[in-house]
N, C-alpha and C. Protein backbone atom coordinates (compact mmCIF):
# COMPACT_ATOMS: atom_id res chain seq x y z
N UNK A 1 173.66 14.86 -13.87
CA UNK A 1 172.39 15.60 -14.05
C UNK A 1 172.47 17.12 -13.58
N UNK A 2 171.98 17.92 -14.27
CA UNK A 2 172.08 19.32 -14.00
C UNK A 2 171.34 19.75 -12.77
N UNK A 3 171.82 20.61 -11.96
CA UNK A 3 171.12 21.08 -10.85
C UNK A 3 170.47 22.31 -11.09
N UNK A 4 169.64 22.80 -10.20
CA UNK A 4 168.94 23.95 -10.38
C UNK A 4 169.80 25.18 -10.71
N UNK A 5 170.96 25.33 -10.15
CA UNK A 5 171.86 26.39 -10.41
C UNK A 5 172.57 26.34 -11.74
N UNK A 6 172.57 25.20 -12.50
CA UNK A 6 173.19 24.95 -13.67
C UNK A 6 172.24 25.27 -14.84
N UNK A 7 170.96 25.49 -14.56
CA UNK A 7 170.00 25.72 -15.76
C UNK A 7 169.96 27.15 -16.12
N UNK A 8 169.67 27.38 -17.50
CA UNK A 8 169.59 28.66 -17.99
C UNK A 8 168.20 29.22 -17.46
N UNK A 9 168.18 30.52 -17.10
CA UNK A 9 166.91 31.05 -16.76
C UNK A 9 166.65 32.30 -17.63
N UNK A 10 167.53 32.66 -18.54
CA UNK A 10 167.25 33.64 -19.53
C UNK A 10 167.87 33.24 -20.81
N UNK A 11 167.37 33.68 -21.94
CA UNK A 11 167.93 33.33 -23.23
C UNK A 11 169.26 33.95 -23.45
N UNK A 12 170.06 33.26 -24.33
CA UNK A 12 171.35 33.90 -24.73
C UNK A 12 171.32 34.08 -26.16
N UNK A 13 172.03 35.14 -26.58
CA UNK A 13 172.22 35.42 -28.06
C UNK A 13 173.67 35.69 -28.21
N UNK A 14 174.16 35.40 -29.49
CA UNK A 14 175.47 35.53 -29.83
C UNK A 14 175.89 36.82 -30.54
N UNK A 15 176.74 37.45 -30.05
CA UNK A 15 177.17 38.83 -30.62
C UNK A 15 178.69 38.71 -30.75
N UNK A 16 179.22 38.87 -32.02
CA UNK A 16 180.63 38.76 -32.30
C UNK A 16 181.29 37.50 -31.65
N UNK A 17 180.55 36.37 -31.76
CA UNK A 17 180.99 35.14 -31.23
C UNK A 17 180.89 34.86 -29.78
N UNK A 18 180.36 35.81 -29.07
CA UNK A 18 180.23 35.84 -27.60
C UNK A 18 178.69 35.67 -27.19
N UNK A 19 178.36 34.78 -26.34
CA UNK A 19 177.03 34.66 -25.81
C UNK A 19 176.74 35.77 -24.72
N UNK A 20 175.59 36.37 -24.81
CA UNK A 20 175.12 37.32 -23.79
C UNK A 20 173.72 37.13 -23.46
N UNK A 21 173.34 37.40 -22.20
CA UNK A 21 171.93 37.40 -21.95
C UNK A 21 171.05 38.39 -22.75
N UNK A 22 169.86 38.01 -23.04
CA UNK A 22 168.89 38.76 -23.82
C UNK A 22 167.50 38.56 -23.32
N UNK A 23 166.66 39.58 -23.67
CA UNK A 23 165.13 39.35 -23.31
C UNK A 23 164.64 38.23 -24.24
N UNK A 24 163.47 37.73 -23.85
CA UNK A 24 162.81 36.68 -24.62
C UNK A 24 162.35 37.27 -26.02
N UNK A 25 161.87 38.64 -26.02
CA UNK A 25 161.56 39.20 -27.25
C UNK A 25 162.68 39.34 -28.15
N UNK A 26 163.88 39.72 -27.72
CA UNK A 26 164.98 39.73 -28.60
C UNK A 26 165.43 38.35 -29.12
N UNK A 27 165.40 37.40 -28.33
CA UNK A 27 165.91 36.07 -28.66
C UNK A 27 164.85 35.53 -29.69
N UNK A 28 163.62 35.56 -29.41
CA UNK A 28 162.47 35.20 -30.40
C UNK A 28 162.58 35.91 -31.71
N UNK A 29 162.91 37.14 -31.65
CA UNK A 29 162.92 38.04 -32.95
C UNK A 29 164.19 37.51 -33.77
N UNK A 30 165.22 37.15 -33.08
CA UNK A 30 166.53 36.59 -33.70
C UNK A 30 166.19 35.30 -34.39
N UNK A 31 165.47 34.43 -33.62
CA UNK A 31 165.08 33.05 -34.07
C UNK A 31 164.23 33.27 -35.39
N UNK A 32 163.28 34.16 -35.36
CA UNK A 32 162.41 34.43 -36.39
C UNK A 32 163.13 34.91 -37.59
N UNK A 33 163.99 35.84 -37.41
CA UNK A 33 164.78 36.39 -38.43
C UNK A 33 165.69 35.34 -39.14
N UNK A 34 166.23 34.42 -38.31
CA UNK A 34 167.03 33.32 -38.82
C UNK A 34 166.25 32.44 -39.79
N UNK A 35 164.93 32.04 -39.36
CA UNK A 35 164.19 31.33 -40.22
C UNK A 35 163.85 32.09 -41.54
N UNK A 36 163.41 33.37 -41.28
CA UNK A 36 163.03 34.18 -42.53
C UNK A 36 164.34 34.17 -43.46
N UNK A 37 165.41 34.49 -43.00
CA UNK A 37 166.65 34.49 -43.81
C UNK A 37 166.87 33.20 -44.52
N UNK A 38 166.85 32.17 -43.88
CA UNK A 38 167.01 30.89 -44.57
C UNK A 38 166.02 30.61 -45.55
N UNK A 39 164.72 30.93 -45.40
CA UNK A 39 163.74 30.72 -46.38
C UNK A 39 163.87 31.71 -47.48
N UNK A 40 164.24 32.98 -47.22
CA UNK A 40 164.37 33.84 -48.33
C UNK A 40 165.62 33.42 -49.25
N UNK A 41 166.58 32.81 -48.65
CA UNK A 41 167.70 32.21 -49.51
C UNK A 41 167.39 31.01 -50.21
N UNK A 42 166.19 30.44 -50.03
CA UNK A 42 165.92 29.21 -50.79
C UNK A 42 166.17 28.00 -50.06
N UNK A 43 166.50 27.95 -48.83
CA UNK A 43 166.88 26.90 -48.02
C UNK A 43 165.76 25.76 -48.15
N UNK A 44 166.04 24.58 -48.28
CA UNK A 44 165.18 23.45 -48.20
C UNK A 44 164.93 23.01 -46.78
N UNK A 45 163.62 22.99 -46.43
CA UNK A 45 163.30 22.86 -44.99
C UNK A 45 162.43 21.49 -44.87
N UNK A 46 162.60 20.97 -43.76
CA UNK A 46 161.80 19.81 -43.36
C UNK A 46 161.69 19.78 -41.86
N UNK A 47 160.79 19.03 -41.33
CA UNK A 47 160.53 18.95 -39.80
C UNK A 47 160.43 17.52 -39.56
N UNK A 48 161.12 17.06 -38.45
CA UNK A 48 160.96 15.66 -37.91
C UNK A 48 160.32 15.70 -36.58
N UNK A 49 159.29 15.00 -36.35
CA UNK A 49 158.58 14.99 -35.02
C UNK A 49 158.79 13.60 -34.43
N UNK A 50 158.40 13.50 -33.20
CA UNK A 50 158.65 12.33 -32.34
C UNK A 50 157.45 11.53 -32.02
N UNK A 51 157.57 10.28 -32.20
CA UNK A 51 156.28 9.41 -31.90
C UNK A 51 155.89 9.34 -30.43
N UNK A 52 156.80 9.67 -29.54
CA UNK A 52 156.55 9.87 -28.15
C UNK A 52 155.83 11.07 -27.74
N UNK A 53 155.79 12.10 -28.65
CA UNK A 53 155.06 13.37 -28.37
C UNK A 53 153.55 13.13 -28.38
N UNK A 54 152.88 14.09 -27.84
CA UNK A 54 151.40 13.91 -27.92
C UNK A 54 150.84 14.17 -29.41
N UNK A 55 149.67 13.78 -29.61
CA UNK A 55 149.03 14.16 -30.93
C UNK A 55 148.93 15.59 -31.15
N UNK A 56 148.64 16.28 -30.05
CA UNK A 56 148.51 17.81 -30.15
C UNK A 56 149.83 18.41 -30.52
N UNK A 57 150.97 17.98 -29.91
CA UNK A 57 152.25 18.46 -30.22
C UNK A 57 152.75 18.18 -31.69
N UNK A 58 152.41 16.94 -32.07
CA UNK A 58 152.74 16.57 -33.50
C UNK A 58 151.82 17.44 -34.43
N UNK A 59 150.63 17.59 -34.16
CA UNK A 59 149.81 18.48 -34.97
C UNK A 59 150.34 19.87 -35.05
N UNK A 60 150.76 20.51 -33.94
CA UNK A 60 151.37 21.86 -33.88
C UNK A 60 152.56 21.82 -34.73
N UNK A 61 153.41 20.81 -34.64
CA UNK A 61 154.63 20.64 -35.38
C UNK A 61 154.38 20.72 -36.88
N UNK A 62 153.48 20.00 -37.40
CA UNK A 62 153.18 19.95 -38.80
C UNK A 62 152.51 21.21 -39.29
N UNK A 63 151.78 21.77 -38.37
CA UNK A 63 150.98 23.10 -38.77
C UNK A 63 152.12 24.13 -38.92
N UNK A 64 153.10 24.22 -37.99
CA UNK A 64 154.28 25.03 -38.06
C UNK A 64 155.03 24.93 -39.28
N UNK A 65 155.24 23.70 -39.67
CA UNK A 65 156.06 23.29 -40.85
C UNK A 65 155.33 23.87 -42.16
N UNK A 66 154.08 23.65 -42.20
CA UNK A 66 153.29 23.96 -43.30
C UNK A 66 152.97 25.43 -43.49
N UNK A 67 152.66 26.04 -42.26
CA UNK A 67 152.16 27.56 -42.30
C UNK A 67 153.42 28.47 -42.34
N UNK A 68 154.22 28.33 -41.34
CA UNK A 68 155.37 29.10 -41.07
C UNK A 68 156.55 28.89 -42.00
N UNK A 69 156.91 27.61 -42.21
CA UNK A 69 158.10 27.35 -43.08
C UNK A 69 157.66 27.05 -44.57
N UNK A 70 156.40 26.85 -44.82
CA UNK A 70 155.94 26.62 -46.23
C UNK A 70 156.41 25.25 -46.77
N UNK A 71 156.46 24.27 -45.92
CA UNK A 71 156.96 22.99 -46.44
C UNK A 71 155.95 21.81 -46.09
N UNK A 72 155.85 20.88 -46.98
CA UNK A 72 154.99 19.67 -46.56
C UNK A 72 156.01 18.50 -46.11
N UNK A 73 157.27 18.90 -45.98
CA UNK A 73 158.20 17.82 -45.67
C UNK A 73 158.17 17.61 -44.14
N UNK A 74 157.27 16.79 -43.68
CA UNK A 74 157.06 16.56 -42.16
C UNK A 74 157.24 15.04 -42.08
N UNK A 75 158.04 14.54 -41.21
CA UNK A 75 158.23 13.00 -41.06
C UNK A 75 158.32 12.79 -39.54
N UNK A 76 158.12 11.54 -39.11
CA UNK A 76 158.32 11.10 -37.81
C UNK A 76 158.76 9.61 -37.72
N UNK A 77 159.08 9.17 -36.53
CA UNK A 77 159.41 7.78 -36.48
C UNK A 77 158.30 6.95 -35.99
N UNK A 78 157.11 7.42 -36.30
CA UNK A 78 155.81 6.46 -35.97
C UNK A 78 155.80 5.25 -36.64
N UNK A 79 156.37 5.11 -37.87
CA UNK A 79 156.21 3.82 -38.54
C UNK A 79 157.22 2.78 -38.15
N UNK A 80 158.23 3.13 -37.31
CA UNK A 80 159.16 2.01 -37.01
C UNK A 80 158.74 1.32 -35.73
C-alpha cells in the first residue's frame, strides 16, 4: 500500500520521453489537446463506466462522452 510520501502531489507531463512536474493548467491543456487530436484524426471513441459509481458520476461520464467526445458509445457493467 502506498504511503503518504509515495503519492504524487503534482501532475507530471512527458517531454522527450522524460516525465517532469507541471502545473495543473499545463497538464489539463495537454490532456485536452490529446483528446482533440485523436478526435480530429477520426479516432473511434467510447466510454465505459462502472456500476459501483454513483448515478451522478455515471451521468457526468455519459454527458462527457456525448458532449465532449461526440459519441453515443457509452457502456457499463450494470447488466451483469
